[in-house]
Amino acid sequence: MKIMKLKKTIGVLLLMLMVSCQSIDKNALEQQVRSDINEQFSKEASAYGISYTIKSFHLTHVSGNEYLGALNTVEDGEEFVYQVYVTYDGSSYFWQIVD
């Protein structure tokens, strides 16, 4: 009986370890999403001939694999704030600007 309980305990610990190894630090996710947004916005700004910079970008964990972000930009001298929705499944992420 003790061996079965020990096997279950070890199994649970290994599962927890595997799940924790697949997760990403919120700050790392924030940096990756910011980089992707910057790349996309820079292409669009270049196509329209406008200047563009990201002032700040911060993510807040909502629940499960969902995050909400606040993106502050300066575009041709005007400041803008965008809300960004991010989902992260442990290995990849998806972001979109929320209208």
Protein backbone atom coordinates (compact mmCIF):
# COMPACT_ATOMS: atom_id res chain seq x y z
CA MET A 1 0.00 0.00 0.00
CA LYS A 2 2.84 2.40 0.84
CA ILE A 3 4.49 1.75 -2.55
CA MET A 4 1.28 2.62 -4.43
CA LYS A 5 0.92 5.84 -2.44
CA LEU A 6 4.56 6.70 -3.11
CA LYS A 7 4.11 6.05 -6.85
CA LYS A 8 1.05 8.33 -6.92
CA THR A 9 2.94 11.07 -5.06
CA ILE A 10 5.89 10.83 -7.44
CA GLY A 11 3.51 10.86 -10.43
CA VAL A 12 1.79 14.01 -9.17
CA LEU A 13 5.14 15.73 -8.53
CA LEU A 14 6.39 14.86 -12.04
CA LEU A 15 3.17 16.18 -13.57
CA MET A 16 3.52 19.44 -11.63
CA LEU A 17 7.14 19.74 -12.74
CA MET A 18 6.25 19.18 -16.40
CA VAL A 19 3.49 21.79 -16.26
CA SER A 20 5.71 24.34 -14.53
CA CYS A 21 8.51 23.80 -17.06
CA GLN A 22 6.16 24.55 -19.93
CA SER A 23 4.98 27.84 -18.51
CA ILE A 24 6.65 31.11 -19.35
CA ASP A 25 7.44 33.93 -17.00
CA LYS A 26 4.95 36.79 -17.43
CA ASN A 27 7.79 39.25 -18.01
CA ALA A 28 9.26 37.06 -20.76
CA LEU A 29 5.84 36.75 -22.40
CA GLU A 30 5.42 40.51 -22.12
CA GLN A 31 8.77 41.07 -23.88
CA GLN A 32 7.98 38.61 -26.67
CA VAL A 33 4.54 40.10 -27.34
CA ARG A 34 5.96 43.63 -27.20
CA SER A 35 8.59 42.67 -29.76
CA ASP A 36 5.94 41.18 -32.08
CA ILE A 37 3.72 44.23 -31.73
CA ASN A 38 6.66 46.54 -32.39
CA GLU A 39 7.56 44.61 -35.53
CA GLN A 40 3.98 44.72 -36.85
CA PHE A 41 3.39 48.38 -35.97
CA SER A 42 6.77 49.41 -37.42
CA LYS A 43 5.88 47.81 -40.76
CA GLU A 44 2.54 49.61 -40.84
CA ALA A 45 4.06 52.94 -39.76
CA SER A 46 6.72 52.63 -42.46
CA ALA A 47 4.07 51.85 -45.09
CA TYR A 48 2.14 55.00 -44.12
CA GLY A 49 5.24 57.16 -43.65
CA ILE A 50 4.63 57.96 -39.97
CA SER A 51 6.87 57.81 -36.92
CA TYR A 52 6.06 55.28 -34.25
CA THR A 53 7.45 54.26 -30.84
CA ILE A 54 6.21 52.12 -27.97
CA LYS A 55 6.31 54.06 -24.71
CA SER A 56 5.24 51.11 -22.56
CA PHE A 57 3.57 47.73 -22.62
CA HIS A 58 2.40 45.77 -19.57
CA LEU A 59 0.49 42.51 -19.26
CA THR A 60 -1.85 41.49 -16.47
CA HIS A 61 -2.78 37.84 -15.97
CA VAL A 62 -6.59 37.54 -16.09
CA SER A 63 -7.13 33.80 -15.64
CA GLY A 64 -5.95 30.50 -17.05
CA ASN A 65 -4.08 31.30 -20.25
CA GLU A 66 -5.57 34.78 -20.75
CA TYR A 67 -3.78 38.10 -20.33
CA LEU A 68 -4.76 41.72 -20.94
CA GLY A 69 -2.18 44.29 -21.89
CA ALA A 70 -1.96 48.07 -21.97
CA LEU A 71 0.08 49.39 -24.90
CA ASN A 72 1.08 53.07 -24.90
CA THR A 73 2.47 54.44 -28.16
CA VAL A 74 3.49 57.72 -29.75
CA GLU A 75 2.49 57.98 -33.41
CA ASP A 76 3.48 61.11 -35.30
CA GLY A 77 3.69 63.01 -32.02
CA GLU A 78 0.29 61.87 -30.69
CA GLU A 79 -0.07 59.49 -27.77
CA PHE A 80 -2.35 56.46 -28.06
CA VAL A 81 -3.39 53.72 -25.63
CA TYR A 82 -4.44 50.29 -26.88
CA GLN A 83 -5.82 47.31 -25.03
CA VAL A 84 -4.19 44.03 -26.09
CA TYR A 85 -5.69 40.57 -25.56
CA VAL A 86 -3.15 37.73 -25.26
CA THR A 87 -3.63 33.98 -24.94
CA TYR A 88 -0.73 31.67 -24.14
CA ASP A 89 -1.06 27.87 -24.25
CA GLY A 90 2.31 26.95 -22.76
CA SER A 91 4.25 26.89 -26.02
CA SER A 92 2.79 29.58 -28.28
CA TYR A 93 0.82 32.77 -27.93
CA PHE A 94 -1.66 34.88 -29.86
CA TRP A 95 -2.22 38.61 -29.44
CA GLN A 96 -4.71 41.07 -30.86
CA ILE A 97 -5.59 44.71 -30.36
CA VAL A 98 -9.02 45.02 -28.75
CA ASP A 99 -11.34 47.64 -30.27
